[in-house]
Amino acid sequence: KRQPTAEEKASLLFAFRAVKHVKSNAIVLVQGTHTVGIGAGQMNRLESVRIATKNAGDKAKGSVLGSDAFFPFRDGVDAAAEAGVGLIIQPGGSKRDDEAIEAADEAGIAMVFTGVRHFRH
């Protein structure tokens, strides 16, 4: 429901570019054009979100989360919301995209779908 502002769009693009260079399952948290947390190489996306938000600490609040692949369940979005993430950019394409969207809407998180995966391992 929430749309990103013009300022937030620059951070979204930076996060999307940065996450493609991180080992999958990759999550990058960005403030402006600075990376503040990275979760990489985990067996599932939720653990990558947890690692990235833990590494970011207070800087996770209001950050942009970039994901190299879709969220297969809403739990990753819920964990991001709990840490205070404000925006998410991800490829989409999960059978459960509607659940991820619902979680983002409930938390007031703007979510942008790119249709492009950077998944690699």
PDB file of N, CA and C in Angstrom:
ATOM      1  N   LYS A   1       0.818  -1.193   0.000  1.00  0.00           N
ATOM      2  CA  LYS A   1       0.000   0.000   0.000  1.00  0.00           C
ATOM      3  C   LYS A   1       0.862   1.257   0.000  1.00  0.00           C
ATOM      4  N   ARG A   2       1.847   1.311   0.906  1.00  0.00           N
ATOM      5  CA  ARG A   2       2.693   2.501   0.982  1.00  0.00           C
ATOM      6  C   ARG A   2       3.648   2.534  -0.204  1.00  0.00           C
ATOM      7  N   GLN A   3       3.765   3.691  -0.812  1.00  0.00           N
ATOM      8  CA  GLN A   3       4.667   3.883  -1.938  1.00  0.00           C
ATOM      9  C   GLN A   3       5.954   4.554  -1.455  1.00  0.00           C
ATOM     10  N   PRO A   4       7.105   4.195  -2.021  1.00  0.00           N
ATOM     11  CA  PRO A   4       8.349   4.853  -1.626  1.00  0.00           C
ATOM     12  C   PRO A   4       8.400   6.292  -2.125  1.00  0.00           C
ATOM     13  N   THR A   5       9.052   7.136  -1.337  1.00  0.00           N
ATOM     14  CA  THR A   5       9.252   8.527  -1.742  1.00  0.00           C
ATOM     15  C   THR A   5      10.378   8.583  -2.773  1.00  0.00           C
ATOM     16  N   ALA A   6      10.568   9.740  -3.377  1.00  0.00           N
ATOM     17  CA  ALA A   6      11.647   9.914  -4.349  1.00  0.00           C
ATOM     18  C   ALA A   6      13.003   9.665  -3.696  1.00  0.00           C
ATOM     19  N   GLU A   7      13.190  10.143  -2.469  1.00  0.00           N
ATOM     20  CA  GLU A   7      14.452   9.931  -1.752  1.00  0.00           C
ATOM     21  C   GLU A   7      14.674   8.453  -1.462  1.00  0.00           C
ATOM     22  N   GLU A   8      13.610   7.761  -1.093  1.00  0.00           N
ATOM     23  CA  GLU A   8      13.720   6.341  -0.768  1.00  0.00           C
ATOM     24  C   GLU A   8      14.051   5.505  -2.001  1.00  0.00           C
ATOM     25  N   LYS A   9      13.651   5.955  -3.168  1.00  0.00           N
ATOM     26  CA  LYS A   9      13.909   5.194  -4.390  1.00  0.00           C
ATOM     27  C   LYS A   9      15.403   5.028  -4.648  1.00  0.00           C
ATOM     28  N   ALA A  10      16.206   6.045  -4.340  1.00  0.00           N
ATOM     29  CA  ALA A  10      17.660   5.943  -4.515  1.00  0.00           C
ATOM     30  C   ALA A  10      18.231   4.853  -3.612  1.00  0.00           C
ATOM     31  N   SER A  11      17.745   4.775  -2.393  1.00  0.00           N
ATOM     32  CA  SER A  11      18.196   3.728  -1.469  1.00  0.00           C
ATOM     33  C   SER A  11      17.741   2.351  -1.930  1.00  0.00           C
ATOM     34  N   LEU A  12      16.534   2.267  -2.463  1.00  0.00           N
ATOM     35  CA  LEU A  12      16.037   0.997  -2.995  1.00  0.00           C
ATOM     36  C   LEU A  12      16.944   0.490  -4.115  1.00  0.00           C
ATOM     37  N   LEU A  13      17.308   1.367  -5.021  1.00  0.00           N
ATOM     38  CA  LEU A  13      18.169   0.970  -6.140  1.00  0.00           C
ATOM     39  C   LEU A  13      19.550   0.559  -5.656  1.00  0.00           C
ATOM     40  N   PHE A  14      20.087   1.295  -4.666  1.00  0.00           N
ATOM     41  CA  PHE A  14      21.389   0.941  -4.106  1.00  0.00           C
ATOM     42  C   PHE A  14      21.335  -0.450  -3.472  1.00  0.00           C
ATOM     43  N   ALA A  15      20.297  -0.711  -2.687  1.00  0.00           N
ATOM     44  CA  ALA A  15      20.149  -2.019  -2.032  1.00  0.00           C
ATOM     45  C   ALA A  15      20.041  -3.131  -3.070  1.00  0.00           C
ATOM     46  N   PHE A  16      19.295  -2.881  -4.134  1.00  0.00           N
ATOM     47  CA  PHE A  16      19.109  -3.889  -5.179  1.00  0.00           C
ATOM     48  C   PHE A  16      20.423  -4.189  -5.893  1.00  0.00           C
ATOM     49  N   ARG A  17      21.228  -3.157  -6.123  1.00  0.00           N
ATOM     50  CA  ARG A  17      22.530  -3.364  -6.764  1.00  0.00           C
ATOM     51  C   ARG A  17      23.500  -4.078  -5.823  1.00  0.00           C
ATOM     52  N   ALA A  18      23.481  -3.702  -4.552  1.00  0.00           N
ATOM     53  CA  ALA A  18      24.420  -4.277  -3.582  1.00  0.00           C
ATOM     54  C   ALA A  18      24.148  -5.751  -3.325  1.00  0.00           C
ATOM     55  N   VAL A  19      22.875  -6.130  -3.214  1.00  0.00           N
ATOM     56  CA  VAL A  19      22.540  -7.498  -2.813  1.00  0.00           C
ATOM     57  C   VAL A  19      22.970  -8.530  -3.853  1.00  0.00           C
ATOM     58  N   LYS A  20      23.123  -8.132  -5.101  1.00  0.00           N
ATOM     59  CA  LYS A  20      23.507  -9.113  -6.117  1.00  0.00           C
ATOM     60  C   LYS A  20      24.949  -9.586  -5.956  1.00  0.00           C
ATOM     61  N   HIS A  21      25.732  -8.888  -5.137  1.00  0.00           N
ATOM     62  CA  HIS A  21      27.131  -9.257  -4.924  1.00  0.00           C
ATOM     63  C   HIS A  21      27.339 -10.077  -3.652  1.00  0.00           C
ATOM     64  N   VAL A  22      26.261 -10.419  -2.975  1.00  0.00           N
ATOM     65  CA  VAL A  22      26.328 -11.143  -1.705  1.00  0.00           C
ATOM     66  C   VAL A  22      25.858 -12.579  -1.936  1.00  0.00           C
ATOM     67  N   LYS A  23      26.516 -13.531  -1.268  1.00  0.00           N
ATOM     68  CA  LYS A  23      26.149 -14.950  -1.428  1.00  0.00           C
ATOM     69  C   LYS A  23      24.737 -15.216  -0.919  1.00  0.00           C
ATOM     70  N   SER A  24      23.976 -15.944  -1.706  1.00  0.00           N
ATOM     71  CA  SER A  24      22.589 -16.283  -1.368  1.00  0.00           C
ATOM     72  C   SER A  24      22.557 -17.255  -0.178  1.00  0.00           C
ATOM     73  N   ASN A  25      21.542 -17.207   0.565  1.00  0.00           N
ATOM     74  CA  ASN A  25      20.392 -16.324   0.620  1.00  0.00           C
ATOM     75  C   ASN A  25      20.847 -14.967   1.130  1.00  0.00           C
ATOM     76  N   ALA A  26      20.726 -13.943   0.346  1.00  0.00           N
ATOM     77  CA  ALA A  26      21.308 -12.647   0.670  1.00  0.00           C
ATOM     78  C   ALA A  26      20.263 -11.614   1.066  1.00  0.00           C
ATOM     79  N   ILE A  27      20.571 -10.915   2.155  1.00  0.00           N
ATOM     80  CA  ILE A  27      19.787  -9.777   2.616  1.00  0.00           C
ATOM     81  C   ILE A  27      20.762  -8.647   2.890  1.00  0.00           C
ATOM     82  N   VAL A  28      20.465  -7.465   2.384  1.00  0.00           N
ATOM     83  CA  VAL A  28      21.276  -6.282   2.633  1.00  0.00           C
ATOM     84  C   VAL A  28      20.372  -5.208   3.212  1.00  0.00           C
ATOM     85  N   LEU A  29      20.835  -4.556   4.284  1.00  0.00           N
ATOM     86  CA  LEU A  29      20.122  -3.409   4.850  1.00  0.00           C
ATOM     87  C   LEU A  29      20.915  -2.156   4.526  1.00  0.00           C
ATOM     88  N   VAL A  30      20.215  -1.132   4.078  1.00  0.00           N
ATOM     89  CA  VAL A  30      20.843   0.094   3.594  1.00  0.00           C
ATOM     90  C   VAL A  30      20.189   1.310   4.237  1.00  0.00           C
ATOM     91  N   GLN A  31      21.026   2.276   4.590  1.00  0.00           N
ATOM     92  CA  GLN A  31      20.571   3.616   4.977  1.00  0.00           C
ATOM     93  C   GLN A  31      21.189   4.561   3.963  1.00  0.00           C
ATOM     94  N   GLY A  32      20.381   5.241   3.185  1.00  0.00           N
ATOM     95  CA  GLY A  32      20.921   6.108   2.135  1.00  0.00           C
ATOM     96  C   GLY A  32      21.657   5.257   1.121  1.00  0.00           C
ATOM     97  N   THR A  33      22.952   5.518   0.973  1.00  0.00           N
ATOM     98  CA  THR A  33      23.790   4.695   0.097  1.00  0.00           C
ATOM     99  C   THR A  33      24.895   4.017   0.904  1.00  0.00           C
ATOM    100  N   HIS A  34      24.562   3.657   2.146  1.00  0.00           N
ATOM    101  CA  HIS A  34      25.497   2.950   3.020  1.00  0.00           C
ATOM    102  C   HIS A  34      24.885   1.627   3.465  1.00  0.00           C
ATOM    103  N   THR A  35      25.653   0.570   3.358  1.00  0.00           N
ATOM    104  CA  THR A  35      25.211  -0.724   3.854  1.00  0.00           C
ATOM    105  C   THR A  35      25.370  -0.739   5.366  1.00  0.00           C
ATOM    106  N   VAL A  36      24.313  -1.105   6.084  1.00  0.00           N
ATOM    107  CA  VAL A  36      24.369  -1.129   7.548  1.00  0.00           C
ATOM    108  C   VAL A  36      24.230  -2.540   8.115  1.00  0.00           C
ATOM    109  N   GLY A  37      23.828  -3.513   7.298  1.00  0.00           N
ATOM    110  CA  GLY A  37      23.706  -4.893   7.753  1.00  0.00           C
ATOM    111  C   GLY A  37      23.641  -5.844   6.578  1.00  0.00           C
ATOM    112  N   ILE A  38      24.314  -6.985   6.723  1.00  0.00           N
ATOM    113  CA  ILE A  38      24.313  -7.999   5.670  1.00  0.00           C
ATOM    114  C   ILE A  38      24.082  -9.365   6.305  1.00  0.00           C
ATOM    115  N   GLY A  39      23.184 -10.127   5.713  1.00  0.00           N
ATOM    116  CA  GLY A  39      22.978 -11.525   6.087  1.00  0.00           C
ATOM    117  C   GLY A  39      23.194 -12.353   4.838  1.00  0.00           C
ATOM    118  N   ALA A  40      24.126 -13.301   4.892  1.00  0.00           N
ATOM    119  CA  ALA A  40      24.498 -14.015   3.669  1.00  0.00           C
ATOM    120  C   ALA A  40      24.723 -15.496   3.911  1.00  0.00           C
ATOM    121  N   GLY A  41      24.531 -16.276   2.852  1.00  0.00           N
ATOM    122  CA  GLY A  41      24.916 -17.671   2.827  1.00  0.00           C
ATOM    123  C   GLY A  41      24.158 -18.596   3.761  1.00  0.00           C
ATOM    124  N   GLN A  42      22.985 -18.199   4.184  1.00  0.00           N
ATOM    125  CA  GLN A  42      22.216 -19.029   5.114  1.00  0.00           C
ATOM    126  C   GLN A  42      21.329 -20.019   4.358  1.00  0.00           C
ATOM    127  N   MET A  43      20.839 -21.004   5.083  1.00  0.00           N
ATOM    128  CA  MET A  43      19.982 -22.026   4.482  1.00  0.00           C
ATOM    129  C   MET A  43      18.577 -21.507   4.190  1.00  0.00           C
ATOM    130  N   ASN A  44      18.195 -20.411   4.871  1.00  0.00           N
ATOM    131  CA  ASN A  44      16.870 -19.841   4.620  1.00  0.00           C
ATOM    132  C   ASN A  44      16.918 -18.327   4.757  1.00  0.00           C
ATOM    133  N   ARG A  45      15.970 -17.686   4.141  1.00  0.00           N
ATOM    134  CA  ARG A  45      15.915 -16.225   4.092  1.00  0.00           C
ATOM    135  C   ARG A  45      15.689 -15.609   5.471  1.00  0.00           C
ATOM    136  N   LEU A  46      14.899 -16.260   6.313  1.00  0.00           N
ATOM    137  CA  LEU A  46      14.628 -15.738   7.653  1.00  0.00           C
ATOM    138  C   LEU A  46      15.921 -15.570   8.442  1.00  0.00           C
ATOM    139  N   GLU A  47      16.810 -16.553   8.403  1.00  0.00           N
ATOM    140  CA  GLU A  47      18.078 -16.441   9.136  1.00  0.00           C
ATOM    141  C   GLU A  47      18.926 -15.304   8.580  1.00  0.00           C
ATOM    142  N   SER A  48      18.908 -15.119   7.275  1.00  0.00           N
ATOM    143  CA  SER A  48      19.650 -14.003   6.680  1.00  0.00           C
ATOM    144  C   SER A  48      19.101 -12.665   7.155  1.00  0.00           C
ATOM    145  N   VAL A  49      17.771 -12.552   7.268  1.00  0.00           N
ATOM    146  CA  VAL A  49      17.160 -11.321   7.787  1.00  0.00           C
ATOM    147  C   VAL A  49      17.590 -11.105   9.234  1.00  0.00           C
ATOM    148  N   ARG A  50      17.553 -12.158  10.031  1.00  0.00           N
ATOM    149  CA  ARG A  50      17.936 -12.037  11.448  1.00  0.00           C
ATOM    150  C   ARG A  50      19.380 -11.584  11.601  1.00  0.00           C
ATOM    151  N   ILE A  51      20.279 -12.148  10.806  1.00  0.00           N
ATOM    152  CA  ILE A  51      21.694 -11.772  10.879  1.00  0.00           C
ATOM    153  C   ILE A  51      21.885 -10.323  10.441  1.00  0.00           C
ATOM    154  N   ALA A  52      21.259  -9.944   9.335  1.00  0.00           N
ATOM    155  CA  ALA A  52      21.402  -8.572   8.834  1.00  0.00           C
ATOM    156  C   ALA A  52      20.872  -7.556   9.833  1.00  0.00           C
ATOM    157  N   THR A  53      19.713  -7.836  10.429  1.00  0.00           N
ATOM    158  CA  THR A  53      19.133  -6.873  11.377  1.00  0.00           C
ATOM    159  C   THR A  53      19.939  -6.828  12.670  1.00  0.00           C
ATOM    160  N   LYS A  54      20.472  -7.962  13.092  1.00  0.00           N
ATOM    161  CA  LYS A  54      21.320  -7.975  14.294  1.00  0.00           C
ATOM    162  C   LYS A  54      22.585  -7.163  14.044  1.00  0.00           C
ATOM    163  N   ASN A  55      23.205  -7.356  12.882  1.00  0.00           N
ATOM    164  CA  ASN A  55      24.412  -6.601  12.547  1.00  0.00           C
ATOM    165  C   ASN A  55      24.139  -5.107  12.445  1.00  0.00           C
ATOM    166  N   ALA A  56      22.972  -4.746  11.949  1.00  0.00           N
ATOM    167  CA  ALA A  56      22.629  -3.331  11.787  1.00  0.00           C
ATOM    168  C   ALA A  56      22.295  -2.670  13.118  1.00  0.00           C
ATOM    169  N   GLY A  57      21.788  -3.433  14.061  1.00  0.00           N
ATOM    170  CA  GLY A  57      21.402  -2.856  15.353  1.00  0.00           C
ATOM    171  C   GLY A  57      20.347  -1.782  15.172  1.00  0.00           C
ATOM    172  N   ASP A  58      20.544  -0.634  15.816  1.00  0.00           N
ATOM    173  CA  ASP A  58      19.588   0.474  15.728  1.00  0.00           C
ATOM    174  C   ASP A  58      19.483   1.055  14.320  1.00  0.00           C
ATOM    175  N   LYS A  59      20.505   0.837  13.497  1.00  0.00           N
ATOM    176  CA  LYS A  59      20.482   1.370  12.131  1.00  0.00           C
ATOM    177  C   LYS A  59      19.480   0.638  11.244  1.00  0.00           C
ATOM    178  N   ALA A  60      18.937  -0.474  11.735  1.00  0.00           N
ATOM    179  CA  ALA A  60      17.901  -1.187  10.967  1.00  0.00           C
ATOM    180  C   ALA A  60      16.619  -0.367  10.893  1.00  0.00           C
ATOM    181  N   LYS A  61      16.387   0.475  11.887  1.00  0.00           N
ATOM    182  CA  LYS A  61      15.157   1.277  11.922  1.00  0.00           C
ATOM    183  C   LYS A  61      15.115   2.239  10.735  1.00  0.00           C
ATOM    184  N   GLY A  62      14.071   2.100   9.923  1.00  0.00           N
ATOM    185  CA  GLY A  62      13.905   2.966   8.761  1.00  0.00           C
ATOM    186  C   GLY A  62      14.753   2.580   7.565  1.00  0.00           C
ATOM    187  N   SER A  63      15.478   1.471   7.659  1.00  0.00           N
ATOM    188  CA  SER A  63      16.371   1.077   6.569  1.00  0.00           C
ATOM    189  C   SER A  63      15.602   0.456   5.405  1.00  0.00           C
ATOM    190  N   VAL A  64      16.329   0.294   4.306  1.00  0.00           N
ATOM    191  CA  VAL A  64      15.822  -0.404   3.129  1.00  0.00           C
ATOM    192  C   VAL A  64      16.424  -1.801   3.136  1.00  0.00           C
ATOM    193  N   LEU A  65      15.590  -2.802   2.944  1.00  0.00           N
ATOM    194  CA  LEU A  65      16.051  -4.184   2.877  1.00  0.00           C
ATOM    195  C   LEU A  65      16.024  -4.634   1.426  1.00  0.00           C
ATOM    196  N   GLY A  66      17.166  -5.105   0.944  1.00  0.00           N
ATOM    197  CA  GLY A  66      17.250  -5.698  -0.382  1.00  0.00           C
ATOM    198  C   GLY A  66      17.412  -7.196  -0.255  1.00  0.00           C
ATOM    199  N   SER A  67      16.646  -7.955  -1.018  1.00  0.00           N
ATOM    200  CA  SER A  67      16.711  -9.418  -1.000  1.00  0.00           C
ATOM    201  C   SER A  67      17.031  -9.921  -2.404  1.00  0.00           C
ATOM    202  N   ASP A  68      17.915 -10.923  -2.488  1.00  0.00           N
ATOM    203  CA  ASP A  68      18.307 -11.426  -3.804  1.00  0.00           C
ATOM    204  C   ASP A  68      17.277 -12.366  -4.426  1.00  0.00           C
ATOM    205  N   ALA A  69      16.309 -12.801  -3.635  1.00  0.00           N
ATOM    206  CA  ALA A  69      15.250 -13.679  -4.145  1.00  0.00           C
ATOM    207  C   ALA A  69      13.972 -13.405  -3.362  1.00  0.00           C
ATOM    208  N   PHE A  70      12.887 -14.037  -3.777  1.00  0.00           N
ATOM    209  CA  PHE A  70      11.597 -13.782  -3.136  1.00  0.00           C
ATOM    210  C   PHE A  70      11.553 -14.310  -1.708  1.00  0.00           C
ATOM    211  N   PHE A  71      10.586 -13.828  -0.945  1.00  0.00           N
ATOM    212  CA  PHE A  71      10.312 -14.336   0.395  1.00  0.00           C
ATOM    213  C   PHE A  71       9.312 -15.483   0.250  1.00  0.00           C
ATOM    214  N   PRO A  72       9.732 -16.728   0.553  1.00  0.00           N
ATOM    215  CA  PRO A  72       8.826 -17.858   0.382  1.00  0.00           C
ATOM    216  C   PRO A  72       7.713 -17.895   1.431  1.00  0.00           C
ATOM    217  N   PHE A  73       7.937 -17.199   2.537  1.00  0.00           N
ATOM    218  CA  PHE A  73       6.952 -17.114   3.618  1.00  0.00           C
ATOM    219  C   PHE A  73       6.962 -15.690   4.161  1.00  0.00           C
ATOM    220  N   ARG A  74       5.976 -15.326   4.923  1.00  0.00           N
ATOM    221  CA  ARG A  74       5.895 -13.974   5.473  1.00  0.00           C
ATOM    222  C   ARG A  74       6.829 -13.762   6.656  1.00  0.00           C
ATOM    223  N   ASP A  75       7.414 -14.834   7.217  1.00  0.00           N
ATOM    224  CA  ASP A  75       8.218 -14.708   8.429  1.00  0.00           C
ATOM    225  C   ASP A  75       9.419 -13.777   8.269  1.00  0.00           C
ATOM    226  N   GLY A  76      10.031 -13.761   7.094  1.00  0.00           N
ATOM    227  CA  GLY A  76      11.156 -12.858   6.851  1.00  0.00           C
ATOM    228  C   GLY A  76      10.729 -11.403   6.873  1.00  0.00           C
ATOM    229  N   VAL A  77       9.571 -11.125   6.308  1.00  0.00           N
ATOM    230  CA  VAL A  77       9.026  -9.760   6.317  1.00  0.00           C
ATOM    231  C   VAL A  77       8.643  -9.372   7.743  1.00  0.00           C
ATOM    232  N   ASP A  78       8.057 -10.299   8.485  1.00  0.00           N
ATOM    233  CA  ASP A  78       7.705 -10.030   9.881  1.00  0.00           C
ATOM    234  C   ASP A  78       8.947  -9.713  10.710  1.00  0.00           C
ATOM    235  N   ALA A  79      10.037 -10.460  10.501  1.00  0.00           N
ATOM    236  CA  ALA A  79      11.285 -10.211  11.230  1.00  0.00           C
ATOM    237  C   ALA A  79      11.867  -8.850  10.857  1.00  0.00           C
ATOM    238  N   ALA A  80      11.778  -8.491   9.588  1.00  0.00           N
ATOM    239  CA  ALA A  80      12.251  -7.175   9.152  1.00  0.00           C
ATOM    240  C   ALA A  80      11.427  -6.069   9.804  1.00  0.00           C
ATOM    241  N   ALA A  81      10.125  -6.262   9.854  1.00  0.00           N
ATOM    242  CA  ALA A  81       9.235  -5.276  10.474  1.00  0.00           C
ATOM    243  C   ALA A  81       9.551  -5.114  11.954  1.00  0.00           C
ATOM    244  N   GLU A  82       9.812  -6.221  12.620  1.00  0.00           N
ATOM    245  CA  GLU A  82      10.135  -6.188  14.045  1.00  0.00           C
ATOM    246  C   GLU A  82      11.401  -5.368  14.305  1.00  0.00           C
ATOM    247  N   ALA A  83      12.339  -5.398  13.359  1.00  0.00           N
ATOM    248  CA  ALA A  83      13.582  -4.640  13.485  1.00  0.00           C
ATOM    249  C   ALA A  83      13.422  -3.184  13.070  1.00  0.00           C
ATOM    250  N   GLY A  84      12.277  -2.831  12.472  1.00  0.00           N
ATOM    251  CA  GLY A  84      12.031  -1.446  12.090  1.00  0.00           C
ATOM    252  C   GLY A  84      12.334  -1.099  10.650  1.00  0.00           C
ATOM    253  N   VAL A  85      12.550  -2.102   9.799  1.00  0.00           N
ATOM    254  CA  VAL A  85      12.803  -1.858   8.374  1.00  0.00           C
ATOM    255  C   VAL A  85      11.628  -1.086   7.786  1.00  0.00           C
ATOM    256  N   GLY A  86      11.929  -0.106   6.921  1.00  0.00           N
ATOM    257  CA  GLY A  86      10.879   0.736   6.361  1.00  0.00           C
ATOM    258  C   GLY A  86      10.473   0.394   4.941  1.00  0.00           C
ATOM    259  N   LEU A  87      11.388  -0.221   4.185  1.00  0.00           N
ATOM    260  CA  LEU A  87      11.122  -0.551   2.787  1.00  0.00           C
ATOM    261  C   LEU A  87      11.792  -1.863   2.441  1.00  0.00           C
ATOM    262  N   ILE A  88      11.212  -2.573   1.487  1.00  0.00           N
ATOM    263  CA  ILE A  88      11.791  -3.827   1.007  1.00  0.00           C
ATOM    264  C   ILE A  88      11.775  -3.811  -0.513  1.00  0.00           C
ATOM    265  N   ILE A  89      12.907  -4.218  -1.105  1.00  0.00           N
ATOM    266  CA  ILE A  89      12.962  -4.446  -2.544  1.00  0.00           C
ATOM    267  C   ILE A  89      13.346  -5.906  -2.746  1.00  0.00           C
ATOM    268  N   GLN A  90      12.553  -6.603  -3.543  1.00  0.00           N
ATOM    269  CA  GLN A  90      12.756  -8.034  -3.762  1.00  0.00           C
ATOM    270  C   GLN A  90      12.180  -8.421  -5.117  1.00  0.00           C
ATOM    271  N   PRO A  91      12.615  -9.569  -5.657  1.00  0.00           N
ATOM    272  CA  PRO A  91      12.136  -9.976  -6.974  1.00  0.00           C
ATOM    273  C   PRO A  91      10.664 -10.358  -7.036  1.00  0.00           C
ATOM    274  N   GLY A  92      10.128 -10.916  -5.939  1.00  0.00           N
ATOM    275  CA  GLY A  92       8.779 -11.462  -6.014  1.00  0.00           C
ATOM    276  C   GLY A  92       8.797 -12.770  -6.774  1.00  0.00           C
ATOM    277  N   GLY A  93       7.642 -13.358  -6.961  1.00  0.00           N
ATOM    278  CA  GLY A  93       7.532 -14.600  -7.706  1.00  0.00           C
ATOM    279  C   GLY A  93       7.223 -15.815  -6.858  1.00  0.00           C
ATOM    280  N   SER A  94       7.039 -15.618  -5.555  1.00  0.00           N
ATOM    281  CA  SER A  94       6.672 -16.723  -4.675  1.00  0.00           C
ATOM    282  C   SER A  94       5.186 -17.035  -4.820  1.00  0.00           C
ATOM    283  N   LYS A  95       4.832 -18.289  -4.580  1.00  0.00           N
ATOM    284  CA  LYS A  95       3.415 -18.658  -4.544  1.00  0.00           C
ATOM    285  C   LYS A  95       2.707 -17.933  -3.403  1.00  0.00           C
ATOM    286  N   ARG A  96       3.501 -17.467  -2.434  1.00  0.00           N
ATOM    287  CA  ARG A  96       2.935 -16.796  -1.261  1.00  0.00           C
ATOM    288  C   ARG A  96       3.251 -15.296  -1.235  1.00  0.00           C
ATOM    289  N   ASP A  97       3.454 -14.690  -2.390  1.00  0.00           N
ATOM    290  CA  ASP A  97       3.705 -13.244  -2.430  1.00  0.00           C
ATOM    291  C   ASP A  97       2.615 -12.471  -1.694  1.00  0.00           C
ATOM    292  N   ASP A  98       1.381 -12.939  -1.809  1.00  0.00           N
ATOM    293  CA  ASP A  98       0.279 -12.230  -1.156  1.00  0.00           C
ATOM    294  C   ASP A  98       0.463 -12.187   0.359  1.00  0.00           C
ATOM    295  N   GLU A  99       1.062 -13.231   0.947  1.00  0.00           N
ATOM    296  CA  GLU A  99       1.318 -13.240   2.388  1.00  0.00           C
ATOM    297  C   GLU A  99       2.419 -12.250   2.751  1.00  0.00           C
ATOM    298  N   ALA A 100       3.464 -12.163   1.918  1.00  0.00           N
ATOM    299  CA  ALA A 100       4.540 -11.200   2.156  1.00  0.00           C
ATOM    300  C   ALA A 100       4.006  -9.776   2.032  1.00  0.00           C
ATOM    301  N   ILE A 101       3.157  -9.542   1.051  1.00  0.00           N
ATOM    302  CA  ILE A 101       2.547  -8.219   0.865  1.00  0.00           C
ATOM    303  C   ILE A 101       1.675  -7.873   2.059  1.00  0.00           C
ATOM    304  N   GLU A 102       0.895  -8.828   2.526  1.00  0.00           N
ATOM    305  CA  GLU A 102       0.038  -8.603   3.689  1.00  0.00           C
ATOM    306  C   GLU A 102       0.872  -8.232   4.916  1.00  0.00           C
ATOM    307  N   ALA A 103       1.981  -8.938   5.132  1.00  0.00           N
ATOM    308  CA  ALA A 103       2.858  -8.640   6.269  1.00  0.00           C
ATOM    309  C   ALA A 103       3.439  -7.234   6.150  1.00  0.00           C
ATOM    310  N   ALA A 104       3.866  -6.865   4.940  1.00  0.00           N
ATOM    311  CA  ALA A 104       4.416  -5.524   4.721  1.00  0.00           C
ATOM    312  C   ALA A 104       3.352  -4.459   4.957  1.00  0.00           C
ATOM    313  N   ASP A 105       2.159  -4.671   4.430  1.00  0.00           N
ATOM    314  CA  ASP A 105       1.068  -3.710   4.611  1.00  0.00           C
ATOM    315  C   ASP A 105       0.712  -3.545   6.084  1.00  0.00           C
ATOM    316  N   GLU A 106       0.666  -4.649   6.815  1.00  0.00           N
ATOM    317  CA  GLU A 106       0.347  -4.585   8.244  1.00  0.00           C
ATOM    318  C   GLU A 106       1.372  -3.754   9.012  1.00  0.00           C
ATOM    319  N   ALA A 107       2.634  -3.807   8.566  1.00  0.00           N
ATOM    320  CA  ALA A 107       3.716  -3.096   9.249  1.00  0.00           C
ATOM    321  C   ALA A 107       3.970  -1.700   8.681  1.00  0.00           C
ATOM    322  N   GLY A 108       3.260  -1.328   7.613  1.00  0.00           N
ATOM    323  CA  GLY A 108       3.493  -0.023   6.989  1.00  0.00           C
ATOM    324  C   GLY A 108       4.781   0.035   6.191  1.00  0.00           C
ATOM    325  N   ILE A 109       5.247  -1.124   5.737  1.00  0.00           N
ATOM    326  CA  ILE A 109       6.471  -1.211   4.938  1.00  0.00           C
ATOM    327  C   ILE A 109       6.110  -1.113   3.461  1.00  0.00           C
ATOM    328  N   ALA A 110       6.818  -0.253   2.738  1.00  0.00           N
ATOM    329  CA  ALA A 110       6.667  -0.200   1.284  1.00  0.00           C
ATOM    330  C   ALA A 110       7.445  -1.370   0.699  1.00  0.00           C
ATOM    331  N   MET A 111       6.822  -2.115  -0.217  1.00  0.00           N
ATOM    332  CA  MET A 111       7.487  -3.256  -0.840  1.00  0.00           C
ATOM    333  C   MET A 111       7.466  -3.088  -2.350  1.00  0.00           C
ATOM    334  N   VAL A 112       8.661  -3.195  -2.943  1.00  0.00           N
ATOM    335  CA  VAL A 112       8.815  -3.049  -4.385  1.00  0.00           C
ATOM    336  C   VAL A 112       9.253  -4.392  -4.963  1.00  0.00           C
ATOM    337  N   PHE A 113       8.580  -4.822  -6.024  1.00  0.00           N
ATOM    338  CA  PHE A 113       8.930  -6.057  -6.722  1.00  0.00           C
ATOM    339  C   PHE A 113       9.676  -5.706  -8.003  1.00  0.00           C
ATOM    340  N   THR A 114      10.811  -6.394  -8.243  1.00  0.00           N
ATOM    341  CA  THR A 114      11.626  -6.111  -9.423  1.00  0.00           C
ATOM    342  C   THR A 114      11.403  -7.106 -10.554  1.00  0.00           C
ATOM    343  N   GLY A 115      11.019  -8.341 -10.207  1.00  0.00           N
ATOM    344  CA  GLY A 115      10.907  -9.383 -11.221  1.00  0.00           C
ATOM    345  C   GLY A 115      12.250  -9.957 -11.639  1.00  0.00           C
ATOM    346  N   VAL A 116      13.341  -9.519 -10.979  1.00  0.00           N
ATOM    347  CA  VAL A 116      14.691  -9.972 -11.320  1.00  0.00           C
ATOM    348  C   VAL A 116      15.343 -10.582 -10.090  1.00  0.00           C
ATOM    349  N   ARG A 117      15.759 -11.853 -10.222  1.00  0.00           N
ATOM    350  CA  ARG A 117      16.455 -12.527  -9.117  1.00  0.00           C
ATOM    351  C   ARG A 117      17.960 -12.403  -9.283  1.00  0.00           C
ATOM    352  N   HIS A 118      18.652 -12.281  -8.151  1.00  0.00           N
ATOM    353  CA  HIS A 118      20.119 -12.305  -8.146  1.00  0.00           C
ATOM    354  C   HIS A 118      20.616 -13.555  -7.435  1.00  0.00           C
ATOM    355  N   PHE A 119      19.740 -14.513  -7.198  1.00  0.00           N
ATOM    356  CA  PHE A 119      20.043 -15.697  -6.396  1.00  0.00           C
ATOM    357  C   PHE A 119      21.241 -16.434  -6.965  1.00  0.00           C
ATOM    358  N   ARG A 120      22.247 -16.687  -6.099  1.00  0.00           N
ATOM    359  CA  ARG A 120      23.430 -17.431  -6.535  1.00  0.00           C
ATOM    360  C   ARG A 120      24.078 -18.126  -5.355  1.00  0.00           C
ATOM    361  N   HIS A 121      24.565 -19.305  -5.603  1.00  0.00           N
ATOM    362  CA  HIS A 121      25.354 -20.032  -4.600  1.00  0.00           C
ATOM    363  C   HIS A 121      25.981 -21.238  -5.232  1.00  0.00           C
TER     364      HIS A 121
END
